[in-house]
Amino acid sequence: MKTIVITGASDGIGAEMARQLARTHGAGAALVLAARNEEALQAVAAQCRELGAQVLVVKTDVSVEAQCRALIAAAMQAFGRLDALINNAGVSAQALFSDVRAEDLAWYENLMRVNLWGSVWCTHAALAHLKATRGQIVAVSSLAGLMGVPGRTAYSATKFAMTGFFEALRAELRGAGVSVTTAYPGVVATQIRYRGYNAQGVAAGASGLKEDDAMSTEECARLILEGMERRQREVVMTARGRLGRFMKLVAPGLVEKMALAALKDEVKPH
């Protein structure tokens, strides 16, 4: 029985990873699904149980350290082992930095608590158990964690922080047999950008990015899980992302122009 914890599992990429794991492993999978929306989690859990997986639902706000630690404790109590932790929970944001008022800057800190600290706390609580099974850690970052994206200063900051943390942790764990895979999705067809913060720190209600060629959640989840199974260091999702990463070293000004071109006209800086 392979026990896998997935944060941010109530919808989008996290829910699809849960379904794909249940479909692939069936009765050999014990899935621990975590998110704030318990009703949505239960719906995903029902789908996974129909595919044969054992499922534990743990309502969790990863911005609260105690809840992160309680999540891992619940997984261990239910299944007695931990083979993989997928740090997928995240919040998006889109706002030009100059449009954010001083009194609203607190949401930058809130974003960091979810996107970085939630992963740090869950990983710290899980680490000893993952060492015992020579398990796997997955961090779902973003292309915004490799290249700064205009209009997404807060989001890029949190994802760059994730990139640095898990890169260093990977080196620390080389001798422990625990793999660390960092995934870098581009634009994926989810609601994350619509629910993310705007300059005032409330739900944006719209995406500031062009989404005509957005990747499907099914494809994104498949690529992440393939990377985990292969114990890859990194999964950079798109050809444009891989090109942009290389071009950043040799022509950073061009990469900035590419990033600006990805924004809708109404949210570009003037």
Protein backbone atom coordinates (compact mmCIF):
# COMPACT_ATOMS: atom_id res chain seq x y z
CA MET A 1 0.00 0.00 0.00
CA LYS A 2 1.44 3.34 -1.09
CA THR A 3 0.35 6.28 1.07
CA ILE A 4 0.35 9.68 -0.63
CA VAL A 5 -0.61 13.03 0.88
CA ILE A 6 -1.86 15.70 -1.55
CA THR A 7 -2.50 19.27 -0.42
CA GLY A 8 -4.81 21.51 -2.41
CA ALA A 9 -6.71 18.39 -3.48
CA SER A 10 -10.25 19.79 -3.61
CA ASP A 11 -10.11 20.85 -7.27
CA GLY A 12 -7.85 21.68 -10.18
CA ILE A 13 -4.46 19.98 -10.48
CA GLY A 14 -4.58 18.44 -6.99
CA ALA A 15 -7.95 16.77 -7.53
CA GLU A 16 -6.85 15.46 -10.92
CA MET A 17 -3.64 14.02 -9.47
CA ALA A 18 -5.73 12.21 -6.88
CA ARG A 19 -8.00 10.73 -9.55
CA GLN A 20 -5.08 9.66 -11.72
CA LEU A 21 -3.29 8.03 -8.78
CA ALA A 22 -6.47 6.18 -7.83
CA ARG A 23 -6.94 5.05 -11.43
CA THR A 24 -3.33 3.89 -11.73
CA HIS A 25 -2.84 2.25 -8.33
CA GLY A 26 -6.38 1.24 -7.42
CA ALA A 27 -6.45 -0.72 -4.17
CA GLY A 28 -2.70 -0.18 -3.87
CA ALA A 29 -3.21 3.52 -3.15
CA ALA A 30 -4.01 5.17 0.15
CA LEU A 31 -4.69 8.83 -0.60
CA VAL A 32 -4.78 11.55 2.03
CA LEU A 33 -6.57 14.55 0.54
CA ALA A 34 -6.18 17.96 2.16
CA ALA A 35 -7.71 21.38 1.46
CA ARG A 36 -9.92 23.96 3.13
CA ASN A 37 -13.13 23.00 1.29
CA GLU A 38 -14.23 19.76 2.95
CA GLU A 39 -17.34 19.36 0.80
CA ALA A 40 -15.29 19.52 -2.41
CA LEU A 41 -12.72 17.16 -0.90
CA GLN A 42 -15.42 14.61 -0.13
CA ALA A 43 -16.59 14.73 -3.75
CA VAL A 44 -13.05 14.03 -5.00
CA ALA A 45 -12.66 11.30 -2.38
CA ALA A 46 -15.83 9.59 -3.62
CA GLN A 47 -14.47 9.56 -7.16
CA CYS A 48 -11.19 8.03 -5.96
CA ARG A 49 -12.95 5.38 -3.88
CA GLU A 50 -14.96 4.34 -6.93
CA LEU A 51 -11.61 3.67 -8.62
CA GLY A 52 -10.58 1.40 -5.75
CA ALA A 53 -8.35 3.63 -3.66
CA GLN A 54 -8.53 4.04 0.10
CA VAL A 55 -9.04 7.71 0.93
CA LEU A 56 -8.75 9.87 4.03
CA VAL A 57 -10.06 13.43 3.91
CA VAL A 58 -8.41 15.94 6.24
CA LYS A 59 -9.73 19.51 6.17
CA THR A 60 -6.56 21.60 6.25
CA ASP A 61 -5.55 25.23 5.95
CA VAL A 62 -1.85 25.00 5.09
CA SER A 63 -1.29 28.60 6.19
CA VAL A 64 -1.62 27.32 9.77
CA GLU A 65 1.38 25.31 10.98
CA ALA A 66 -0.57 23.25 13.50
CA GLN A 67 -2.97 22.08 10.79
CA CYS A 68 -0.07 21.04 8.54
CA ARG A 69 1.38 18.93 11.33
CA ALA A 70 -2.04 17.50 12.17
CA LEU A 71 -2.46 16.47 8.53
CA ILE A 72 0.70 14.35 8.56
CA ALA A 73 -0.18 12.92 11.97
CA ALA A 74 -3.62 11.89 10.68
CA ALA A 75 -2.06 10.20 7.65
CA MET A 76 0.32 8.21 9.85
CA GLN A 77 -2.43 7.26 12.30
CA ALA A 78 -4.67 6.03 9.49
CA PHE A 79 -2.15 4.19 7.33
CA GLY A 80 1.03 3.76 9.37
CA ARG A 81 3.41 4.95 6.68
CA LEU A 82 4.04 7.79 4.26
CA ASP A 83 5.48 7.26 0.78
CA ALA A 84 4.93 10.59 -0.92
CA LEU A 85 3.99 14.17 -0.10
CA ILE A 86 2.70 16.35 -2.92
CA ASN A 87 2.83 20.02 -1.90
CA ASN A 88 0.25 21.36 -4.32
CA ALA A 89 -1.79 23.87 -2.29
CA GLY A 90 -1.38 27.39 -3.56
CA VAL A 91 -2.97 30.79 -4.05
CA SER A 92 -2.43 33.04 -7.06
CA ALA A 93 -2.27 36.83 -7.29
CA GLN A 94 -2.15 39.45 -10.00
CA ALA A 95 -1.43 43.09 -9.32
CA LEU A 96 1.09 45.66 -10.43
CA PHE A 97 3.22 46.45 -7.39
CA SER A 98 2.63 50.17 -7.85
CA ASP A 99 -1.13 49.58 -7.59
CA VAL A 100 -0.90 47.94 -4.14
CA ARG A 101 -1.58 50.35 -1.28
CA ALA A 102 0.60 50.19 1.83
CA GLU A 103 -2.40 49.20 3.95
CA ASP A 104 -3.07 46.23 1.63
CA LEU A 105 0.44 44.76 1.57
CA ALA A 106 -0.44 42.21 4.25
CA TRP A 107 -1.82 39.91 1.58
CA TYR A 108 1.74 39.47 0.25
CA GLU A 109 2.55 37.87 3.58
CA ASN A 110 -0.62 35.75 3.48
CA LEU A 111 0.36 34.47 0.05
CA MET A 112 3.78 33.48 1.33
CA ARG A 113 2.24 31.58 4.24
CA VAL A 114 0.21 29.43 1.86
CA ASN A 115 2.60 28.95 -1.05
CA LEU A 116 5.90 28.65 0.84
CA TRP A 117 5.28 28.05 4.51
CA GLY A 118 2.50 25.53 3.95
CA SER A 119 4.96 23.43 1.96
CA VAL A 120 7.74 23.93 4.51
CA TRP A 121 5.54 22.94 7.47
CA CYS A 122 4.05 19.88 5.76
CA THR A 123 7.47 18.76 4.56
CA HIS A 124 9.06 19.19 7.99
CA ALA A 125 6.31 17.15 9.63
CA ALA A 126 6.59 14.42 6.98
CA LEU A 127 10.35 14.22 6.61
CA ALA A 128 11.20 11.52 9.15
CA HIS A 129 8.40 9.30 7.82
CA LEU A 130 9.55 9.81 4.21
CA LYS A 131 13.11 8.92 5.16
CA ALA A 132 11.80 5.67 6.66
CA THR A 133 10.24 4.68 3.32
CA ARG A 134 12.86 6.35 1.07
CA GLY A 135 9.89 8.25 -0.24
CA GLN A 136 9.16 11.15 -2.53
CA ILE A 137 8.47 14.87 -2.17
CA VAL A 138 6.81 16.89 -4.90
CA ALA A 139 6.64 20.68 -4.89
CA VAL A 140 4.26 22.25 -7.39
CA SER A 141 5.88 25.57 -8.17
CA SER A 142 5.26 27.54 -11.39
CA LEU A 143 7.12 28.98 -14.35
CA ALA A 144 6.70 32.17 -12.31
CA GLY A 145 9.16 30.53 -9.91
CA LEU A 146 11.81 30.42 -12.64
CA MET A 147 11.15 33.74 -14.39
CA GLY A 148 9.68 36.84 -12.82
CA VAL A 149 6.28 37.59 -14.33
CA PRO A 150 5.11 41.23 -14.46
CA GLY A 151 1.89 41.81 -12.59
CA ARG A 152 2.66 38.81 -10.41
CA THR A 153 5.38 40.09 -8.10
CA ALA A 154 3.90 38.46 -4.99
CA TYR A 155 3.18 35.16 -6.70
CA SER A 156 6.63 35.02 -8.30
CA ALA A 157 8.24 35.77 -4.94
CA THR A 158 6.48 32.83 -3.28
CA LYS A 159 7.28 30.45 -6.13
CA PHE A 160 10.93 31.52 -6.33
CA ALA A 161 11.11 30.87 -2.59
CA MET A 162 9.69 27.38 -3.12
CA THR A 163 12.23 26.75 -5.87
CA GLY A 164 15.15 27.71 -3.64
CA PHE A 165 13.90 25.80 -0.61
CA PHE A 166 13.32 22.53 -2.42
CA GLU A 167 16.51 22.81 -4.47
CA ALA A 168 18.51 23.07 -1.24
CA LEU A 169 16.49 20.33 0.42
CA ARG A 170 17.11 18.00 -2.53
CA ALA A 171 20.84 18.31 -1.98
CA GLU A 172 20.44 17.68 1.75
CA LEU A 173 18.47 14.49 1.11
CA ARG A 174 20.75 12.92 -1.50
CA GLY A 175 22.06 10.37 0.96
CA ALA A 176 18.67 9.63 2.53
CA GLY A 177 17.04 8.11 -0.55
CA VAL A 178 14.22 10.70 -0.59
CA SER A 179 13.64 12.27 -4.00
CA VAL A 180 12.53 15.88 -4.43
CA THR A 181 10.72 16.77 -7.66
CA THR A 182 9.85 20.40 -8.38
CA ALA A 183 7.19 20.94 -11.03
CA TYR A 184 6.90 24.17 -13.02
CA PRO A 185 3.48 24.42 -14.71
CA GLY A 186 2.75 27.29 -17.05
CA VAL A 187 -0.81 28.48 -17.65
CA VAL A 188 -3.16 25.62 -16.75
CA ALA A 189 -6.93 25.60 -17.26
CA THR A 190 -7.92 25.99 -13.61
CA GLN A 191 -9.67 28.66 -11.55
CA ILE A 192 -6.58 29.57 -9.49
CA ARG A 193 -6.03 32.95 -11.16
CA TYR A 194 -9.72 33.89 -10.85
CA ARG A 195 -9.70 33.17 -7.11
CA GLY A 196 -6.32 34.76 -6.46
CA TYR A 197 -5.70 38.15 -4.91
CA ASN A 198 -5.95 41.46 -6.75
CA ALA A 199 -4.23 44.68 -5.68
CA GLN A 200 -6.71 45.12 -2.80
CA GLY A 201 -6.18 41.59 -1.55
CA VAL A 202 -9.60 40.23 -2.62
CA ALA A 203 -10.52 37.64 -5.25
CA ALA A 204 -9.56 38.91 -8.68
CA GLY A 205 -12.52 37.31 -10.47
CA ALA A 206 -10.57 37.24 -13.74
CA SER A 207 -7.23 36.16 -15.14
CA GLY A 208 -4.66 38.70 -16.21
CA LEU A 209 -2.93 36.17 -18.49
CA LYS A 210 -3.79 35.13 -22.01
CA GLU A 211 -5.15 31.60 -21.71
CA ASP A 212 -5.89 30.59 -25.30
CA ASP A 213 -3.37 27.74 -25.19
CA ALA A 214 -3.72 26.83 -21.51
CA MET A 215 -2.66 23.29 -20.63
CA SER A 216 -5.41 20.95 -19.43
CA THR A 217 -5.42 19.87 -15.80
CA GLU A 218 -5.28 16.25 -16.98
CA GLU A 219 -2.06 16.81 -18.92
CA CYS A 220 -0.48 18.85 -16.13
CA ALA A 221 -1.30 16.24 -13.48
CA ARG A 222 0.00 13.45 -15.70
CA LEU A 223 3.34 15.20 -16.24
CA ILE A 224 3.79 15.89 -12.52
CA LEU A 225 3.02 12.29 -11.56
CA GLU A 226 5.31 10.93 -14.24
CA GLY A 227 8.07 13.13 -12.88
CA MET A 228 7.42 11.87 -9.37
CA GLU A 229 7.44 8.22 -10.42
CA ARG A 230 10.72 8.73 -12.28
CA ARG A 231 12.15 10.69 -9.35
CA GLN A 232 13.03 13.55 -11.67
CA ARG A 233 14.64 16.63 -10.19
CA GLU A 234 12.45 19.02 -12.17
CA VAL A 235 9.47 18.99 -14.50
CA VAL A 236 9.36 22.10 -16.69
CA MET A 237 6.00 21.78 -18.39
CA THR A 238 6.20 23.56 -21.72
CA ALA A 239 8.65 24.09 -24.57
CA ARG A 240 8.20 27.85 -24.09
CA GLY A 241 9.09 27.46 -20.42
CA ARG A 242 12.23 25.49 -21.23
CA LEU A 243 13.22 28.02 -23.89
CA GLY A 244 12.54 30.94 -21.57
CA ARG A 245 14.68 29.41 -18.84
CA PHE A 246 17.61 29.10 -21.25
CA MET A 247 17.07 32.52 -22.82
CA LYS A 248 17.03 34.13 -19.38
CA LEU A 249 20.76 33.33 -19.17
CA VAL A 250 21.70 34.75 -22.57
CA ALA A 251 19.01 37.36 -23.39
CA PRO A 252 17.15 38.39 -20.23
CA GLY A 253 15.66 41.49 -21.87
CA LEU A 254 13.96 39.31 -24.48
CA VAL A 255 12.49 37.10 -21.76
CA GLU A 256 11.02 40.18 -20.07
CA LYS A 257 9.37 41.15 -23.36
CA MET A 258 7.97 37.61 -23.70
CA ALA A 259 6.58 37.83 -20.16
CA LEU A 260 4.90 41.16 -20.86
CA ALA A 261 3.40 39.76 -24.06
CA ALA A 262 1.68 37.04 -22.03
CA LEU A 263 -0.37 39.67 -20.14
CA LYS A 264 -3.75 40.88 -21.30
CA ASP A 265 -3.60 44.46 -22.57
CA GLU A 266 -5.81 45.80 -19.78
CA VAL A 267 -3.40 44.70 -17.04
CA LYS A 268 -0.12 45.70 -18.67
CA PRO A 269 1.85 48.52 -17.01
CA HIS A 270 1.57 51.86 -18.77
